[in-house]
Amino acid sequence: MTETTLRIGDWTLNPHSGELVQGETRLRLEQRTLRLLMCLIESAGEVLSADAILKQVWPDVVVSPDSVYQAITVLRRQLGDDSKNPAYIVTVPRRGYRLIAATEEIKDTPVKTARYRHWLVLSSLLLTIVLAVAFIPRLAASRAINPRAIAVLPFQDLTDQMGEEPFADGMTEELLSQLAKAPGVIISPPSAQQDVKDKHLSNAELAKTLHVAFILEGSVRKSGNTLRVAARLTRASDGFIAWSESYDRSWDDKLMIQEDIAGEVSKALSRSVH
């Protein structure tokens, strides 16, 4: 049995988990960002219009073409791409976007013979037993919750028409990116949260499941040309609100808003969990 991964330029992508790997760097893409990247990969070398991207990435949501620009910007940031000198995604004026990085499928080599498989199973079993015996005394300690571990929940779009979900998603992405760079802060992988998102757990139950000490949640609300982003850090053990803040900004530069607010939240959280 083989498992297919994809190579995009210098990155390796697991299309099932959304994990991007480049050397020692590992990123986990949010589902919408992953769908956007897969959409570009499937049409690699071809120009995709904003309308075509909207139909594939936001099939059941009514959003403006500006959402595509914002999502492309987030994806470029995660790939380390430069829109002025692109190595991955090119903007074709008045037409759309094209993936220019080389792409290919990578398949794990299947086991060749039954004899080798038998030996491999026995070796793995022996190794598992040895590791289990050594690991049991440390199991309780390893499950202890790190006091600086945080789960970042997806920001909620509270706009009346629910038309700013892409911005809310981008806000979550930018926060994850900023917090990942904060010294001493441990971020729960977004993929782990995907596994429990439909279980309707309380914050305390969610924190216990994800083994985190804090839950960060927030919302986005747009009114006219004003945007309000609210964020709150809750200590899971007792529900104590360790930090909360709201930010009001002009809507003129949405991407700068994301970067600025994510930076402020990251600094505040770094202080709060130490």
C-alpha atoms as a PDB file:
ATOM      1  CA  MET A   1       0.000   0.000   0.000  1.00  0.00           C
ATOM      2  CA  THR A   2       1.371   3.457  -0.853  1.00  0.00           C
ATOM      3  CA  GLU A   3       0.688   6.932   0.441  1.00  0.00           C
ATOM      4  CA  THR A   4       0.911   9.816  -1.996  1.00  0.00           C
ATOM      5  CA  THR A   5       2.415  13.159  -1.087  1.00  0.00           C
ATOM      6  CA  LEU A   6       3.024  16.109  -3.380  1.00  0.00           C
ATOM      7  CA  ARG A   7       6.120  18.167  -4.033  1.00  0.00           C
ATOM      8  CA  ILE A   8       5.508  21.843  -4.810  1.00  0.00           C
ATOM      9  CA  GLY A   9       8.755  23.650  -5.451  1.00  0.00           C
ATOM     10  CA  ASP A  10      10.836  23.246  -2.285  1.00  0.00           C
ATOM     11  CA  TRP A  11       7.836  22.129  -0.198  1.00  0.00           C
ATOM     12  CA  THR A  12       6.358  18.689   0.374  1.00  0.00           C
ATOM     13  CA  LEU A  13       2.600  18.572   0.993  1.00  0.00           C
ATOM     14  CA  ASN A  14       0.495  15.867   2.592  1.00  0.00           C
ATOM     15  CA  PRO A  15      -2.887  16.557   0.951  1.00  0.00           C
ATOM     16  CA  HIS A  16      -4.746  14.589   3.625  1.00  0.00           C
ATOM     17  CA  SER A  17      -3.368  16.292   6.739  1.00  0.00           C
ATOM     18  CA  GLY A  18      -2.520  19.645   5.134  1.00  0.00           C
ATOM     19  CA  GLU A  19       1.041  19.485   6.460  1.00  0.00           C
ATOM     20  CA  LEU A  20       3.691  21.406   4.513  1.00  0.00           C
ATOM     21  CA  VAL A  21       7.326  20.457   5.073  1.00  0.00           C
ATOM     22  CA  GLN A  22      10.499  22.196   3.934  1.00  0.00           C
ATOM     23  CA  GLY A  23      13.643  20.985   5.664  1.00  0.00           C
ATOM     24  CA  GLU A  24      13.125  21.583   9.394  1.00  0.00           C
ATOM     25  CA  THR A  25      10.086  23.804   8.806  1.00  0.00           C
ATOM     26  CA  ARG A  26       6.631  22.272   9.280  1.00  0.00           C
ATOM     27  CA  LEU A  27       3.354  24.112   8.710  1.00  0.00           C
ATOM     28  CA  ARG A  28      -0.249  22.962   9.001  1.00  0.00           C
ATOM     29  CA  LEU A  29      -2.616  24.600   6.514  1.00  0.00           C
ATOM     30  CA  GLU A  30      -6.170  25.469   7.445  1.00  0.00           C
ATOM     31  CA  GLN A  31      -8.767  23.596   5.378  1.00  0.00           C
ATOM     32  CA  ARG A  32      -9.672  26.559   3.154  1.00  0.00           C
ATOM     33  CA  THR A  33      -6.020  27.367   2.475  1.00  0.00           C
ATOM     34  CA  LEU A  34      -5.394  23.703   1.686  1.00  0.00           C
ATOM     35  CA  ARG A  35      -8.325  23.675  -0.766  1.00  0.00           C
ATOM     36  CA  LEU A  36      -6.925  26.774  -2.466  1.00  0.00           C
ATOM     37  CA  LEU A  37      -3.480  25.203  -2.836  1.00  0.00           C
ATOM     38  CA  MET A  38      -4.953  21.945  -4.173  1.00  0.00           C
ATOM     39  CA  CYS A  39      -7.064  23.952  -6.625  1.00  0.00           C
ATOM     40  CA  LEU A  40      -3.910  25.637  -7.958  1.00  0.00           C
ATOM     41  CA  ILE A  41      -1.996  22.343  -8.081  1.00  0.00           C
ATOM     42  CA  GLU A  42      -4.739  20.629 -10.074  1.00  0.00           C
ATOM     43  CA  SER A  43      -4.499  23.413 -12.668  1.00  0.00           C
ATOM     44  CA  ALA A  44      -0.724  23.951 -12.407  1.00  0.00           C
ATOM     45  CA  GLY A  45       0.576  26.082 -15.255  1.00  0.00           C
ATOM     46  CA  GLU A  46      -2.900  27.301 -16.162  1.00  0.00           C
ATOM     47  CA  VAL A  47      -4.463  30.641 -15.276  1.00  0.00           C
ATOM     48  CA  LEU A  48      -7.344  30.290 -12.820  1.00  0.00           C
ATOM     49  CA  SER A  49      -9.818  33.150 -12.670  1.00  0.00           C
ATOM     50  CA  ALA A  50     -11.103  34.507  -9.369  1.00  0.00           C
ATOM     51  CA  ASP A  51     -14.555  33.125 -10.220  1.00  0.00           C
ATOM     52  CA  ALA A  52     -13.165  29.631 -10.801  1.00  0.00           C
ATOM     53  CA  ILE A  53     -11.318  29.748  -7.494  1.00  0.00           C
ATOM     54  CA  LEU A  54     -14.414  30.996  -5.676  1.00  0.00           C
ATOM     55  CA  LYS A  55     -16.477  28.083  -7.003  1.00  0.00           C
ATOM     56  CA  GLN A  56     -13.940  25.501  -5.843  1.00  0.00           C
ATOM     57  CA  VAL A  57     -12.723  26.988  -2.567  1.00  0.00           C
ATOM     58  CA  TRP A  58     -15.953  28.651  -1.347  1.00  0.00           C
ATOM     59  CA  PRO A  59     -18.607  26.411  -2.984  1.00  0.00           C
ATOM     60  CA  ASP A  60     -21.379  27.127  -0.466  1.00  0.00           C
ATOM     61  CA  VAL A  61     -20.461  30.637   0.680  1.00  0.00           C
ATOM     62  CA  VAL A  62     -21.218  33.961  -1.000  1.00  0.00           C
ATOM     63  CA  VAL A  63     -18.047  36.067  -0.844  1.00  0.00           C
ATOM     64  CA  SER A  64     -16.497  38.765  -3.012  1.00  0.00           C
ATOM     65  CA  PRO A  65     -13.568  38.246  -5.421  1.00  0.00           C
ATOM     66  CA  ASP A  66     -11.497  40.279  -2.959  1.00  0.00           C
ATOM     67  CA  SER A  67     -11.574  37.194  -0.722  1.00  0.00           C
ATOM     68  CA  VAL A  68      -9.517  35.354  -3.340  1.00  0.00           C
ATOM     69  CA  TYR A  69      -6.838  38.048  -3.259  1.00  0.00           C
ATOM     70  CA  GLN A  70      -6.689  37.837   0.514  1.00  0.00           C
ATOM     71  CA  ALA A  71      -6.526  34.023   0.526  1.00  0.00           C
ATOM     72  CA  ILE A  72      -3.772  34.049  -2.122  1.00  0.00           C
ATOM     73  CA  THR A  73      -1.816  36.503   0.033  1.00  0.00           C
ATOM     74  CA  VAL A  74      -2.095  34.218   3.070  1.00  0.00           C
ATOM     75  CA  LEU A  75      -0.974  31.210   1.001  1.00  0.00           C
ATOM     76  CA  ARG A  76       1.964  33.127  -0.457  1.00  0.00           C
ATOM     77  CA  ARG A  77       3.031  34.133   3.045  1.00  0.00           C
ATOM     78  CA  GLN A  78       3.018  30.512   4.191  1.00  0.00           C
ATOM     79  CA  LEU A  79       4.963  29.358   1.134  1.00  0.00           C
ATOM     80  CA  GLY A  80       7.485  32.165   1.626  1.00  0.00           C
ATOM     81  CA  ASP A  81       6.634  33.523  -1.819  1.00  0.00           C
ATOM     82  CA  ASP A  82       7.102  37.098  -3.047  1.00  0.00           C
ATOM     83  CA  SER A  83       4.372  38.525  -5.276  1.00  0.00           C
ATOM     84  CA  LYS A  84       6.903  40.874  -6.924  1.00  0.00           C
ATOM     85  CA  ASN A  85       9.368  38.079  -7.675  1.00  0.00           C
ATOM     86  CA  PRO A  86       7.231  34.932  -7.439  1.00  0.00           C
ATOM     87  CA  ALA A  87       8.545  31.389  -7.324  1.00  0.00           C
ATOM     88  CA  TYR A  88       5.158  29.790  -6.678  1.00  0.00           C
ATOM     89  CA  ILE A  89       2.103  31.874  -7.578  1.00  0.00           C
ATOM     90  CA  VAL A  90       1.975  34.467 -10.361  1.00  0.00           C
ATOM     91  CA  THR A  91      -0.735  37.104 -10.614  1.00  0.00           C
ATOM     92  CA  VAL A  92      -1.933  37.487 -14.201  1.00  0.00           C
ATOM     93  CA  PRO A  93      -3.480  40.994 -14.372  1.00  0.00           C
ATOM     94  CA  ARG A  94      -7.237  41.004 -15.066  1.00  0.00           C
ATOM     95  CA  ARG A  95      -7.203  37.231 -15.578  1.00  0.00           C
ATOM     96  CA  GLY A  96      -6.360  35.437 -12.330  1.00  0.00           C
ATOM     97  CA  TYR A  97      -3.561  33.369 -10.797  1.00  0.00           C
ATOM     98  CA  ARG A  98      -1.207  30.643 -12.009  1.00  0.00           C
ATOM     99  CA  LEU A  99       0.909  28.158 -10.057  1.00  0.00           C
ATOM    100  CA  ILE A 100       4.374  28.185 -11.654  1.00  0.00           C
ATOM    101  CA  ALA A 101       6.307  26.016  -9.199  1.00  0.00           C
ATOM    102  CA  ALA A 102       7.141  22.505 -10.359  1.00  0.00           C
ATOM    103  CA  THR A 103       4.804  19.877  -8.919  1.00  0.00           C
ATOM    104  CA  GLU A 104       5.028  16.101  -8.752  1.00  0.00           C
ATOM    105  CA  GLU A 105       3.593  13.154  -6.862  1.00  0.00           C
ATOM    106  CA  ILE A 106       5.831  11.271  -4.446  1.00  0.00           C
ATOM    107  CA  LYS A 107       4.845   7.730  -3.550  1.00  0.00           C
ATOM    108  CA  ASP A 108       6.307   5.721  -0.707  1.00  0.00           C
ATOM    109  CA  THR A 109       7.980   2.579  -2.015  1.00  0.00           C
ATOM    110  CA  PRO A 110       5.804  -0.479  -1.195  1.00  0.00           C
ATOM    111  CA  VAL A 111       7.331  -3.483   0.565  1.00  0.00           C
ATOM    112  CA  LYS A 112       8.586  -5.876  -2.077  1.00  0.00           C
ATOM    113  CA  THR A 113       8.289  -9.369  -0.561  1.00  0.00           C
ATOM    114  CA  ALA A 114       6.221 -11.234   2.006  1.00  0.00           C
ATOM    115  CA  ARG A 115       9.409 -12.392   3.733  1.00  0.00           C
ATOM    116  CA  TYR A 116      10.632  -8.862   4.223  1.00  0.00           C
ATOM    117  CA  ARG A 117       7.189  -7.793   5.455  1.00  0.00           C
ATOM    118  CA  HIS A 118       7.227 -10.637   7.996  1.00  0.00           C
ATOM    119  CA  TRP A 119      10.654  -9.582   9.266  1.00  0.00           C
ATOM    120  CA  LEU A 120       9.558  -5.967   9.421  1.00  0.00           C
ATOM    121  CA  VAL A 121       6.451  -6.821  11.466  1.00  0.00           C
ATOM    122  CA  LEU A 122       8.465  -8.880  13.958  1.00  0.00           C
ATOM    123  CA  SER A 123      11.097  -6.169  14.311  1.00  0.00           C
ATOM    124  CA  SER A 124       8.458  -3.489  14.797  1.00  0.00           C
ATOM    125  CA  LEU A 125       6.681  -5.601  17.409  1.00  0.00           C
ATOM    126  CA  LEU A 126       9.873  -6.165  19.380  1.00  0.00           C
ATOM    127  CA  LEU A 127      10.749  -2.483  19.208  1.00  0.00           C
ATOM    128  CA  THR A 128       7.245  -1.528  20.345  1.00  0.00           C
ATOM    129  CA  ILE A 129       7.489  -3.830  23.366  1.00  0.00           C
ATOM    130  CA  VAL A 130      10.885  -2.447  24.365  1.00  0.00           C
ATOM    131  CA  LEU A 131       9.728   1.152  24.009  1.00  0.00           C
ATOM    132  CA  ALA A 132       6.498   0.478  25.877  1.00  0.00           C
ATOM    133  CA  VAL A 133       8.343  -1.003  28.852  1.00  0.00           C
ATOM    134  CA  ALA A 134      10.672   1.985  28.962  1.00  0.00           C
ATOM    135  CA  PHE A 135       7.865   4.485  28.409  1.00  0.00           C
ATOM    136  CA  ILE A 136       5.309   3.303  30.980  1.00  0.00           C
ATOM    137  CA  PRO A 137       6.986   4.949  34.027  1.00  0.00           C
ATOM    138  CA  ARG A 138       7.026   8.271  32.175  1.00  0.00           C
ATOM    139  CA  LEU A 139       3.514   8.098  30.750  1.00  0.00           C
ATOM    140  CA  ALA A 140       1.817  10.119  33.473  1.00  0.00           C
ATOM    141  CA  ALA A 141       4.433  12.856  33.249  1.00  0.00           C
ATOM    142  CA  SER A 142       4.251  13.006  29.456  1.00  0.00           C
ATOM    143  CA  ARG A 143       0.492  13.604  29.573  1.00  0.00           C
ATOM    144  CA  ALA A 144       0.869  16.552  31.922  1.00  0.00           C
ATOM    145  CA  ILE A 145      -0.396  19.803  30.455  1.00  0.00           C
ATOM    146  CA  ASN A 146       2.286  22.342  29.641  1.00  0.00           C
ATOM    147  CA  PRO A 147       1.327  25.658  31.312  1.00  0.00           C
ATOM    148  CA  ARG A 148       2.357  27.564  28.163  1.00  0.00           C
ATOM    149  CA  ALA A 149       0.367  25.450  25.697  1.00  0.00           C
ATOM    150  CA  ILE A 150      -2.396  27.272  23.769  1.00  0.00           C
ATOM    151  CA  ALA A 151      -5.160  26.186  21.409  1.00  0.00           C
ATOM    152  CA  VAL A 152      -6.142  28.886  18.901  1.00  0.00           C
ATOM    153  CA  LEU A 153      -9.789  28.426  17.934  1.00  0.00           C
ATOM    154  CA  PRO A 154     -11.003  29.699  14.534  1.00  0.00           C
ATOM    155  CA  PHE A 155     -12.114  33.334  14.776  1.00  0.00           C
ATOM    156  CA  GLN A 156     -15.853  33.806  14.300  1.00  0.00           C
ATOM    157  CA  ASP A 157     -17.375  36.114  11.690  1.00  0.00           C
ATOM    158  CA  LEU A 158     -20.062  38.171  13.477  1.00  0.00           C
ATOM    159  CA  THR A 159     -20.763  40.493  10.552  1.00  0.00           C
ATOM    160  CA  ASP A 160     -24.505  40.746   9.821  1.00  0.00           C
ATOM    161  CA  GLN A 161     -24.242  39.196   6.352  1.00  0.00           C
ATOM    162  CA  MET A 162     -21.549  36.702   7.402  1.00  0.00           C
ATOM    163  CA  GLY A 163     -19.477  37.930   4.470  1.00  0.00           C
ATOM    164  CA  GLU A 164     -16.123  38.256   6.196  1.00  0.00           C
ATOM    165  CA  GLU A 165     -15.417  34.590   6.913  1.00  0.00           C
ATOM    166  CA  PRO A 166     -12.295  34.671   4.677  1.00  0.00           C
ATOM    167  CA  PHE A 167     -10.944  37.592   6.718  1.00  0.00           C
ATOM    168  CA  ALA A 168     -11.693  35.707   9.959  1.00  0.00           C
ATOM    169  CA  ASP A 169      -9.889  32.643   8.573  1.00  0.00           C
ATOM    170  CA  GLY A 170      -6.948  34.820   7.570  1.00  0.00           C
ATOM    171  CA  MET A 171      -6.894  36.339  11.053  1.00  0.00           C
ATOM    172  CA  THR A 172      -6.629  32.859  12.564  1.00  0.00           C
ATOM    173  CA  GLU A 173      -3.861  31.896  10.114  1.00  0.00           C
ATOM    174  CA  GLU A 174      -1.871  35.038  10.854  1.00  0.00           C
ATOM    175  CA  LEU A 175      -2.210  34.507  14.609  1.00  0.00           C
ATOM    176  CA  LEU A 176      -0.975  30.931  14.333  1.00  0.00           C
ATOM    177  CA  SER A 177       1.972  32.128  12.263  1.00  0.00           C
ATOM    178  CA  GLN A 178       2.877  34.898  14.723  1.00  0.00           C
ATOM    179  CA  LEU A 179       2.438  32.758  17.848  1.00  0.00           C
ATOM    180  CA  ALA A 180       4.557  29.977  16.373  1.00  0.00           C
ATOM    181  CA  LYS A 181       7.476  32.421  16.476  1.00  0.00           C
ATOM    182  CA  ALA A 182       6.848  33.518  20.083  1.00  0.00           C
ATOM    183  CA  PRO A 183       9.469  32.011  22.426  1.00  0.00           C
ATOM    184  CA  GLY A 184       8.094  29.680  25.073  1.00  0.00           C
ATOM    185  CA  VAL A 185       4.572  29.475  23.613  1.00  0.00           C
ATOM    186  CA  ILE A 186       3.416  26.028  22.487  1.00  0.00           C
ATOM    187  CA  ILE A 187       0.636  25.928  19.870  1.00  0.00           C
ATOM    188  CA  SER A 188      -1.758  23.009  19.548  1.00  0.00           C
ATOM    189  CA  PRO A 189      -1.758  21.817  15.894  1.00  0.00           C
ATOM    190  CA  PRO A 190      -4.853  22.989  13.977  1.00  0.00           C
ATOM    191  CA  SER A 191      -5.283  19.420  12.729  1.00  0.00           C
ATOM    192  CA  ALA A 192      -5.896  18.244  16.304  1.00  0.00           C
ATOM    193  CA  GLN A 193      -8.669  20.817  16.640  1.00  0.00           C
ATOM    194  CA  GLN A 194     -10.240  19.607  13.388  1.00  0.00           C
ATOM    195  CA  ASP A 195     -10.642  16.174  14.996  1.00  0.00           C
ATOM    196  CA  VAL A 196     -12.792  17.566  17.830  1.00  0.00           C
ATOM    197  CA  LYS A 197     -14.514  20.554  16.204  1.00  0.00           C
ATOM    198  CA  ASP A 198     -17.863  18.762  15.766  1.00  0.00           C
ATOM    199  CA  LYS A 199     -18.014  17.339  19.292  1.00  0.00           C
ATOM    200  CA  HIS A 200     -19.345  20.556  20.887  1.00  0.00           C
ATOM    201  CA  LEU A 201     -16.932  20.398  23.813  1.00  0.00           C
ATOM    202  CA  SER A 202     -16.688  23.042  26.509  1.00  0.00           C
ATOM    203  CA  ASN A 203     -13.422  24.972  26.724  1.00  0.00           C
ATOM    204  CA  ALA A 204     -12.371  22.857  29.716  1.00  0.00           C
ATOM    205  CA  GLU A 205     -13.112  19.614  27.850  1.00  0.00           C
ATOM    206  CA  LEU A 206     -11.412  20.921  24.720  1.00  0.00           C
ATOM    207  CA  ALA A 207      -8.298  21.923  26.655  1.00  0.00           C
ATOM    208  CA  LYS A 208      -8.149  18.513  28.329  1.00  0.00           C
ATOM    209  CA  THR A 209      -8.479  16.747  24.980  1.00  0.00           C
ATOM    210  CA  LEU A 210      -5.816  18.920  23.307  1.00  0.00           C
ATOM    211  CA  HIS A 211      -3.564  19.019  26.408  1.00  0.00           C
ATOM    212  CA  VAL A 212      -3.379  22.800  26.546  1.00  0.00           C
ATOM    213  CA  ALA A 213      -3.583  25.229  29.453  1.00  0.00           C
ATOM    214  CA  PHE A 214      -5.149  28.156  27.582  1.00  0.00           C
ATOM    215  CA  ILE A 215      -7.801  28.674  24.924  1.00  0.00           C
ATOM    216  CA  LEU A 216      -7.596  31.677  22.587  1.00  0.00           C
ATOM    217  CA  GLU A 217     -10.827  32.605  20.833  1.00  0.00           C
ATOM    218  CA  GLY A 218     -11.955  35.689  18.996  1.00  0.00           C
ATOM    219  CA  SER A 219     -14.348  37.317  16.595  1.00  0.00           C
ATOM    220  CA  VAL A 220     -14.437  39.692  13.649  1.00  0.00           C
ATOM    221  CA  ARG A 221     -17.202  42.240  13.091  1.00  0.00           C
ATOM    222  CA  LYS A 222     -17.361  44.781  10.249  1.00  0.00           C
ATOM    223  CA  SER A 223     -19.638  47.809  10.319  1.00  0.00           C
ATOM    224  CA  GLY A 224     -19.345  50.274   7.463  1.00  0.00           C
ATOM    225  CA  ASN A 225     -15.657  51.037   7.053  1.00  0.00           C
ATOM    226  CA  THR A 226     -14.789  50.016  10.601  1.00  0.00           C
ATOM    227  CA  LEU A 227     -13.532  46.614  11.638  1.00  0.00           C
ATOM    228  CA  ARG A 228     -13.512  45.322  15.209  1.00  0.00           C
ATOM    229  CA  VAL A 229     -11.413  42.296  16.130  1.00  0.00           C
ATOM    230  CA  ALA A 230     -11.921  40.927  19.645  1.00  0.00           C
ATOM    231  CA  ALA A 231      -9.710  38.283  21.269  1.00  0.00           C
ATOM    232  CA  ARG A 232      -9.843  36.536  24.628  1.00  0.00           C
ATOM    233  CA  LEU A 233      -7.442  34.190  26.408  1.00  0.00           C
ATOM    234  CA  THR A 234      -9.098  31.845  28.910  1.00  0.00           C
ATOM    235  CA  ARG A 235      -7.344  29.640  31.438  1.00  0.00           C
ATOM    236  CA  ALA A 236      -8.957  26.264  30.901  1.00  0.00           C
ATOM    237  CA  SER A 237      -8.584  24.921  34.431  1.00  0.00           C
ATOM    238  CA  ASP A 238     -10.977  27.429  36.005  1.00  0.00           C
ATOM    239  CA  GLY A 239     -12.346  29.601  33.175  1.00  0.00           C
ATOM    240  CA  PHE A 240     -10.368  32.634  34.365  1.00  0.00           C
ATOM    241  CA  ILE A 241      -9.990  35.249  31.617  1.00  0.00           C
ATOM    242  CA  ALA A 242      -6.258  35.863  31.652  1.00  0.00           C
ATOM    243  CA  TRP A 243      -6.402  38.519  28.949  1.00  0.00           C
ATOM    244  CA  SER A 244      -8.872  40.126  26.576  1.00  0.00           C
ATOM    245  CA  GLU A 245      -8.748  43.022  24.159  1.00  0.00           C
ATOM    246  CA  SER A 246     -10.598  44.475  21.199  1.00  0.00           C
ATOM    247  CA  TYR A 247      -9.114  46.385  18.289  1.00  0.00           C
ATOM    248  CA  ASP A 248     -10.916  48.896  16.074  1.00  0.00           C
ATOM    249  CA  ARG A 249      -9.352  49.612  12.701  1.00  0.00           C
ATOM    250  CA  SER A 250     -10.233  51.255   9.409  1.00  0.00           C
ATOM    251  CA  TRP A 251     -11.085  48.772   6.650  1.00  0.00           C
ATOM    252  CA  ASP A 252      -8.716  50.439   4.172  1.00  0.00           C
ATOM    253  CA  ASP A 253      -5.948  47.827   4.435  1.00  0.00           C
ATOM    254  CA  LYS A 254      -7.297  44.473   5.546  1.00  0.00           C
ATOM    255  CA  LEU A 255      -4.013  42.605   5.249  1.00  0.00           C
ATOM    256  CA  MET A 256      -2.123  45.170   7.326  1.00  0.00           C
ATOM    257  CA  ILE A 257      -4.882  44.915   9.935  1.00  0.00           C
ATOM    258  CA  GLN A 258      -4.350  41.156  10.193  1.00  0.00           C
ATOM    259  CA  GLU A 259      -0.603  41.478  10.577  1.00  0.00           C
ATOM    260  CA  ASP A 260      -0.757  44.350  13.085  1.00  0.00           C
ATOM    261  CA  ILE A 261      -3.428  42.842  15.310  1.00  0.00           C
ATOM    262  CA  ALA A 262      -1.886  39.372  15.209  1.00  0.00           C
ATOM    263  CA  GLY A 263       1.425  40.908  16.276  1.00  0.00           C
ATOM    264  CA  GLU A 264      -0.208  42.744  19.191  1.00  0.00           C
ATOM    265  CA  VAL A 265      -2.124  39.665  20.315  1.00  0.00           C
ATOM    266  CA  SER A 266       1.009  37.514  20.069  1.00  0.00           C
ATOM    267  CA  LYS A 267       2.987  39.898  22.279  1.00  0.00           C
ATOM    268  CA  ALA A 268       0.176  40.108  24.818  1.00  0.00           C
ATOM    269  CA  LEU A 269      -0.240  36.339  24.971  1.00  0.00           C
ATOM    270  CA  SER A 270       3.491  35.775  25.352  1.00  0.00           C
ATOM    271  CA  ARG A 271       3.364  37.941  28.478  1.00  0.00           C
ATOM    272  CA  SER A 272       0.169  36.336  29.785  1.00  0.00           C
ATOM    273  CA  VAL A 273       1.332  32.715  29.686  1.00  0.00           C
ATOM    274  CA  HIS A 274       4.732  33.277  31.293  1.00  0.00           C
END
